[in-house]
Protein backbone atom coordinates (compact mmCIF):
# COMPACT_ATOMS: atom_id res chain seq x y z
CA MET A 1 133.37 103.89 2.92
CA GLN A 2 133.05 100.94 5.19
CA ALA A 3 132.34 102.85 8.35
CA PRO A 4 129.36 104.94 7.00
CA LEU A 5 127.92 101.87 5.30
CA LYS A 6 128.08 99.88 8.61
CA LEU A 7 126.54 102.81 10.41
CA LYS A 8 123.80 102.97 7.73
CA ILE A 9 122.96 99.23 8.11
CA GLN A 10 122.88 99.47 11.90
CA LYS A 11 120.44 102.23 11.62
CA LYS A 12 118.16 100.36 9.48
CA HIS A 13 118.30 97.53 11.91
CA LEU A 14 117.42 99.82 14.85
CA LEU A 15 114.50 101.24 12.77
CA ALA A 16 113.19 97.84 12.01
CA LEU A 17 113.50 96.87 15.68
CA ALA A 18 111.60 99.97 16.72
CA GLY A 19 108.91 99.03 14.13
CA VAL A 20 108.47 95.59 15.40
CA LEU A 21 108.34 96.99 19.01
CA ALA A 22 105.76 99.50 17.97
CA LEU A 23 103.77 96.89 15.98
CA GLY A 24 103.79 94.66 19.27
CA LEU A 25 102.68 97.56 21.32
CA VAL A 26 99.80 98.36 19.10
CA LEU A 27 98.80 94.62 18.89
CA ARG A 28 98.98 94.48 22.70
CA LEU A 29 96.70 97.53 23.12
CA THR A 30 94.19 96.30 20.45
CA VAL A 31 94.15 92.71 19.28
CA PHE A 32 95.69 91.14 22.18
CA ALA A 33 94.31 93.48 24.73
CA PRO A 34 91.82 92.12 27.73
CA ALA A 35 88.50 92.41 26.50
CA LYS A 36 86.53 95.37 27.92
CA VAL A 37 83.24 94.46 29.86
CA GLN A 38 80.29 96.29 31.25
CA VAL A 39 79.38 95.15 34.91
CA VAL A 40 76.35 95.44 36.97
CA HIS A 41 75.76 94.71 40.69
CA LEU A 42 73.02 93.17 42.79
CA VAL A 43 70.27 95.66 43.71
CA LYS A 44 67.26 95.13 45.86
CA ARG A 45 64.17 95.70 43.91
CA ASP A 46 60.27 95.08 44.40
CA LEU A 47 59.41 92.31 41.88
CA VAL A 48 56.29 91.15 40.44
CA ALA A 49 55.91 88.02 38.48
CA GLN A 50 53.56 88.19 35.66
CA VAL A 51 52.39 85.66 33.12
CA TYR A 52 51.28 87.03 29.61
CA GLY A 53 48.15 86.22 27.64
CA ASN A 54 46.34 87.70 24.77
CA GLY A 55 42.85 87.24 23.32
CA THR A 56 39.51 89.14 22.86
CA VAL A 57 36.93 90.86 25.10
CA GLU A 58 33.87 88.64 25.38
CA ALA A 59 30.74 88.17 27.41
CA LYS A 60 29.80 85.04 29.30
CA VAL A 61 26.22 85.62 29.03
CA VAL A 62 24.71 87.17 25.65
CA VAL A 63 21.16 87.28 25.31
CA ASN A 64 19.24 87.51 22.02
CA ILE A 65 16.00 89.46 22.36
CA ALA A 66 13.52 88.33 19.85
CA SER A 67 9.76 88.91 19.26
CA LYS A 68 7.26 86.02 20.27
CA ILE A 69 4.86 86.87 17.46
CA THR A 70 4.93 88.15 13.79
CA GLY A 71 4.33 91.84 13.36
CA ARG A 72 5.43 95.26 12.17
CA ILE A 73 7.78 97.25 14.37
CA VAL A 74 6.26 100.79 15.15
CA GLU A 75 8.54 101.85 17.88
CA VAL A 76 12.13 101.29 19.16
CA GLY A 77 13.13 102.20 22.63
CA ALA A 78 16.90 101.63 22.75
CA ASP A 79 19.92 101.66 20.54
CA GLN A 80 23.29 99.89 20.41
CA GLY A 81 25.37 101.24 23.39
CA ASP A 82 22.56 101.95 25.62
CA MET A 83 22.35 100.71 29.10
CA VAL A 84 19.00 99.18 29.73
CA THR A 85 17.34 97.83 32.92
CA ARG A 86 15.13 94.75 33.55
CA GLY A 87 11.44 95.38 32.34
CA GLN A 88 12.18 98.40 30.25
CA VAL A 89 10.31 98.68 26.90
CA LEU A 90 12.76 97.92 23.88
CA ALA A 91 10.19 97.82 21.13
CA LYS A 92 6.43 97.81 20.11
CA LEU A 93 4.64 96.05 17.44
CA ASP A 94 1.65 97.28 15.54
CA LEU A 95 -1.55 96.51 17.69
CA SER A 96 -4.34 97.20 15.13
CA GLU A 97 -4.76 93.57 13.91
CA LEU A 98 -4.01 92.12 17.40
CA GLN A 99 -6.62 94.40 19.00
CA ALA A 100 -9.32 93.42 16.47
CA GLN A 101 -8.53 89.75 17.14
CA ASN A 102 -8.96 90.30 20.69
CA ARG A 103 -12.21 92.00 20.39
CA GLN A 104 -13.59 89.20 18.29
CA ALA A 105 -12.20 86.74 20.93
CA GLU A 106 -13.89 88.59 23.83
CA ALA A 107 -17.14 88.71 21.86
CA SER A 108 -16.98 85.06 21.00
CA LEU A 109 -16.45 84.42 24.67
CA ALA A 110 -19.48 86.50 25.81
CA LEU A 111 -21.65 84.47 23.51
CA ALA A 112 -20.13 81.17 24.56
CA THR A 113 -20.74 82.04 28.21
CA LYS A 114 -24.45 82.78 27.84
CA ASN A 115 -24.98 79.80 25.64
CA ALA A 116 -23.19 77.48 28.14
CA ALA A 117 -25.07 78.84 31.05
CA ARG A 118 -28.39 78.62 29.43
CA PHE A 119 -27.76 75.08 28.18
CA LYS A 120 -26.80 74.08 31.48
CA ALA A 121 -30.02 75.25 33.13
CA LEU A 122 -32.16 73.45 30.34
CA ALA A 123 -30.09 70.25 31.03
CA ALA A 124 -30.86 70.55 34.69
CA LYS A 125 -34.66 70.62 33.75
CA GLU A 126 -33.90 67.76 31.30
CA LEU A 127 -35.21 69.90 28.41
CA VAL A 128 -32.04 69.12 26.63
CA SER A 129 -29.62 66.35 26.63
CA ARG A 130 -26.61 66.44 29.13
CA GLN A 131 -24.29 65.84 26.16
CA GLU A 132 -25.71 68.81 24.18
CA ALA A 133 -25.01 70.91 27.40
CA GLU A 134 -21.53 69.56 27.57
CA GLN A 135 -20.89 70.72 24.08
CA TYR A 136 -21.62 74.34 24.81
CA GLU A 137 -19.52 74.09 27.90
CA THR A 138 -16.61 73.00 25.84
CA ALA A 139 -17.19 75.82 23.33
CA TYR A 140 -17.16 78.23 26.34
CA LEU A 141 -13.72 76.86 27.52
CA LEU A 142 -12.21 77.10 24.16
CA ALA A 143 -13.58 80.73 23.69
CA LYS A 144 -11.85 81.37 27.20
CA GLU A 145 -8.50 80.00 25.99
CA ALA A 146 -8.92 82.10 22.80
CA VAL A 147 -9.21 85.20 24.87
CA VAL A 148 -6.15 84.29 27.08
CA ALA A 149 -4.11 83.74 24.02
CA SER A 150 -5.20 86.82 22.23
CA ARG A 151 -4.44 88.90 25.45
CA SER A 152 -0.94 87.14 25.54
CA ARG A 153 -0.30 88.14 22.05
CA LEU A 154 -1.34 91.81 22.94
CA ASN A 155 1.20 91.77 25.74
CA ASP A 156 3.83 90.05 23.38
CA ALA A 157 3.68 93.20 21.00
CA THR A 158 5.62 94.99 23.61
CA ILE A 159 9.22 93.61 23.90
CA LEU A 160 10.70 94.13 27.28
CA THR A 161 14.32 93.90 28.55
CA PRO A 162 14.89 90.40 30.33
CA GLU A 163 17.53 91.67 32.49
CA ASP A 164 20.08 94.65 33.13
CA GLY A 165 22.63 95.11 30.38
CA VAL A 166 24.06 96.85 27.62
CA ILE A 167 22.52 96.57 24.08
CA ILE A 168 25.45 95.30 21.77
CA ARG A 169 23.59 95.44 18.73
CA ARG A 170 20.34 96.44 17.16
CA ASP A 171 19.18 94.40 13.98
CA LEU A 172 15.94 96.10 12.84
CA GLU A 173 14.30 99.48 12.61
CA PRO A 174 10.92 100.91 12.83
CA GLY A 175 8.73 99.73 9.94
CA ALA A 176 10.39 96.36 9.65
CA THR A 177 8.58 93.28 9.86
CA VAL A 178 9.79 90.76 12.60
CA THR A 179 8.86 87.17 12.52
CA ALA A 180 8.62 85.06 15.65
CA GLY A 181 12.01 84.03 17.06
CA LEU A 182 13.88 86.66 14.95
CA PRO A 183 16.49 88.58 17.10
CA ILE A 184 15.90 92.47 17.28
CA PHE A 185 18.60 93.20 20.02
CA LEU A 186 21.74 91.62 21.29
CA LEU A 187 22.23 92.26 25.16
CA ALA A 188 25.25 91.67 27.22
CA ASN A 189 25.58 91.91 31.15
CA PRO A 190 28.53 94.05 31.94
CA GLU A 191 29.33 91.90 34.96
CA THR A 192 29.78 89.04 32.77
CA VAL A 193 32.25 90.75 30.28
CA TRP A 194 35.91 89.48 30.46
CA VAL A 195 38.98 88.92 28.42
CA LYS A 196 39.50 85.30 27.06
CA ALA A 197 43.11 85.17 26.95
CA ASN A 198 45.34 82.40 25.57
CA VAL A 199 48.34 81.45 27.90
CA ASP A 200 51.27 79.28 27.01
CA GLU A 201 50.97 76.15 28.75
CA SER A 202 54.59 76.50 29.94
CA GLN A 203 53.38 79.46 32.03
CA LEU A 204 50.30 77.99 33.73
CA LYS A 205 51.75 76.25 36.71
CA GLU A 206 51.49 79.69 38.68
CA VAL A 207 48.18 80.76 37.48
CA ALA A 208 45.16 80.40 39.78
CA LEU A 209 41.70 81.65 40.17
CA GLY A 210 41.30 85.07 41.94
CA GLN A 211 44.86 86.23 41.07
CA ALA A 212 45.11 89.98 40.12
CA ALA A 213 45.66 91.04 36.63
CA THR A 214 46.15 93.93 34.45
CA ILE A 215 44.25 94.48 31.21
CA THR A 216 45.26 96.41 28.15
CA LEU A 217 42.90 97.21 25.30
CA ARG A 218 43.75 97.86 21.80
CA SER A 219 41.44 100.84 21.69
CA ALA A 220 43.28 102.27 24.70
CA PRO A 221 46.87 101.29 24.52
CA GLY A 222 48.17 103.63 27.17
CA GLU A 223 45.58 102.58 29.76
CA LYS A 224 45.65 99.81 32.10
CA PHE A 225 42.46 98.29 33.62
CA PRO A 226 42.46 96.20 36.67
CA GLY A 227 41.31 92.57 36.54
CA GLN A 228 41.12 89.16 38.25
CA VAL A 229 41.43 85.70 36.98
CA ALA A 230 37.74 84.38 36.97
CA ARG A 231 37.88 80.91 35.10
CA LEU A 232 40.59 78.53 33.89
CA ALA A 233 39.80 76.18 31.08
CA ARG A 234 40.55 72.52 31.26
CA GLU A 235 41.48 71.77 27.61
CA SER A 236 44.40 73.11 25.76
CA ASP A 237 44.52 73.95 22.25
CA ARG A 238 46.51 70.96 20.77
CA VAL A 239 47.97 73.05 17.89
CA THR A 240 49.04 76.25 19.79
CA GLU A 241 49.69 74.70 22.96
CA GLU A 242 47.76 77.42 24.81
CA LEU A 243 45.09 77.34 27.36
CA GLU A 244 42.10 79.83 27.79
CA VAL A 245 42.26 82.03 30.86
CA ASP A 246 39.23 84.31 31.52
CA VAL A 247 40.02 87.53 33.10
CA ALA A 248 37.32 89.54 34.38
CA PHE A 249 37.25 93.44 34.70
CA THR A 250 37.28 94.71 38.30
CA PRO A 251 35.03 96.87 38.43
CA ALA A 252 32.99 95.64 35.37
CA ARG A 253 33.18 98.16 32.52
CA ASN A 254 30.00 99.54 30.70
CA ASN A 255 32.03 100.91 27.95
CA PHE A 256 33.28 97.80 26.15
CA ARG A 257 33.45 96.17 22.61
CA LEU A 258 33.01 92.60 22.23
CA GLY A 259 35.63 91.02 20.05
CA GLU A 260 38.18 93.65 20.84
CA GLN A 261 41.77 92.63 20.94
CA ALA A 262 43.18 92.74 24.63
CA GLU A 263 46.29 91.75 26.40
CA VAL A 264 46.55 90.53 30.13
CA LEU A 265 49.25 90.32 32.72
CA ILE A 266 48.50 88.01 35.52
CA ALA A 267 50.41 88.82 38.70
CA THR A 268 51.50 85.18 40.04
CA GLY A 269 53.89 86.43 42.74
CA THR A 270 55.69 89.22 44.45
CA ARG A 271 58.91 89.97 46.27
CA GLN A 272 59.76 93.07 48.35
CA GLY A 273 63.31 94.18 48.19
CA ALA A 274 64.55 91.11 46.15
CA PRO A 275 68.31 91.11 45.31
CA SER A 276 68.10 91.06 41.48
CA LEU A 277 69.90 91.31 38.18
CA PRO A 278 68.98 91.88 34.66
CA LYS A 279 68.27 88.25 33.36
CA ALA A 280 70.67 89.05 30.35
CA ALA A 281 73.51 88.57 32.92
CA LEU A 282 72.83 84.86 33.35
CA VAL A 283 74.40 82.16 31.25
CA THR A 284 74.47 78.63 31.08
CA GLN A 285 77.45 76.37 31.34
CA GLY A 286 76.74 72.71 30.99
CA LYS A 287 74.13 72.07 33.45
CA GLN A 288 74.99 74.98 35.46
CA ARG A 289 73.22 78.39 35.49
CA GLY A 290 75.29 81.38 36.61
CA VAL A 291 77.07 84.61 35.94
CA TRP A 292 80.43 85.76 35.14
CA VAL A 293 81.98 87.69 38.19
CA VAL A 294 85.03 90.09 37.76
CA ALA A 295 87.56 89.83 40.49
CA ASN A 296 91.11 91.35 40.06
CA ASN A 297 90.39 91.89 36.50
CA ARG A 298 89.89 88.04 35.80
CA LEU A 299 86.64 86.19 35.00
CA ARG A 300 85.15 83.71 37.42
CA PHE A 301 82.08 81.69 36.69
CA GLN A 302 79.79 81.72 39.57
CA GLU A 303 76.63 79.39 39.84
CA VAL A 304 73.56 81.19 41.29
CA VAL A 305 70.00 80.22 42.36
CA THR A 306 67.38 82.21 40.80
CA GLY A 307 63.68 83.02 41.95
CA LEU A 308 61.04 85.36 40.74
CA GLU A 309 61.41 86.90 37.50
CA ASN A 310 59.25 89.95 36.12
CA THR A 311 58.41 91.05 32.54
CA GLN A 312 60.94 94.01 32.60
CA GLY A 313 63.71 91.50 32.38
CA MET A 314 64.83 91.60 35.95
CA ILE A 315 65.35 88.16 37.89
CA GLU A 316 65.63 87.51 41.59
CA ILE A 317 68.93 85.93 42.83
CA THR A 318 68.36 83.87 46.04
CA SER A 319 71.94 82.58 46.41
CA GLY A 320 75.41 82.46 45.18
CA LEU A 321 76.19 86.39 44.98
CA THR A 322 76.82 89.36 47.32
CA GLU A 323 75.87 92.97 46.59
CA ASN A 324 79.54 94.12 46.11
CA GLU A 325 80.62 91.59 43.23
CA ALA A 326 80.82 92.99 39.86
CA ILE A 327 78.77 90.74 37.43
CA VAL A 328 79.36 91.03 33.52
CA LEU A 329 76.48 92.21 31.39
CA ALA A 330 77.11 91.36 27.64
CA ALA A 331 75.68 89.60 24.60
CA PRO A 332 75.04 85.94 25.19
CA GLU A 333 77.26 84.84 22.29
CA LYS A 334 80.06 86.67 23.82
CA MET A 335 79.54 85.68 27.26
CA GLN A 336 79.51 81.83 25.94
CA LYS A 337 83.22 82.33 24.86
CA PHE A 338 84.41 83.69 28.25
CA ARG A 339 86.74 81.29 30.33
CA ASN A 340 87.56 81.12 33.87
CA GLY A 341 90.62 83.14 34.69
CA GLN A 342 90.38 85.20 31.31
CA LYS A 343 91.70 88.78 31.89
CA VAL A 344 89.32 91.59 31.24
CA ARG A 345 88.98 95.32 31.68
CA VAL A 346 85.94 96.91 33.47
CA ARG A 347 84.55 99.63 31.14
CA LYS A 348 84.21 102.80 32.88
């Protein structure tokens, strides 16, 4: 009885030992296994550094076209969206009353001219006083000014385009009565249309006049329009800490909408064939900025010097790495926990 019992106990011990060994193996392969990491390598790329800004399409020069006189609109020669040229007829006012006033002024001038000449001749013969002759001369001059004024009002009844441009808005229709100074049209010159973009102050160091830019409009999200930095403001918004940067369309666009939302990317630098990495591979250790390099399945923190960075998340590495080194690419919170010499496995 003792021998079978002893054998049974030994068998249990062996089974327990096997279980412990199996558990240890499982833990080694799972919980205590070296972390698997993804690696990347330096790759030479053409990089373009870009500064982002957003804002609206605006015009540097916007002209309100108004009537100089009061009258009823009888004809309109342009509508919003139309391209117009300097001197083109935009609108006409009713001439009937103005023509009657002009005829009356010309008739008065004719009479005043005749009286002034007659009394001047009589004064020369001393048949009337010089003072009386001067009164008729003054009446003649006033009548002459009245004719000039009436003819000017006749001309003002035809409203012309002051310069080339696009009609942005038409506020009145035929039949409406316009008063002096009341705008009828709003005109913008396409050559002065640009994007007033707001750029974060931290990005302004590299922005300069003349730099090339790419413009995206909300109405055409898939299209990119060439532009150029045309003007930099000198006062930042104290709340948003942004500065206005005006980016002109190159070439100018005739089809535009003032106030439309737009985004710009300003090219502030380029590098051809620059050794680069995803920016996500970088980590900060104390005051050092670097990457985790995998060598012989162990981690090593390597300080690097960076250069140009593009908006696609790639950054130039100017020193500290070679093309053959394997650099870890992982979540920031994971890389912060890495330690020098830590054993890892490279994910295939």
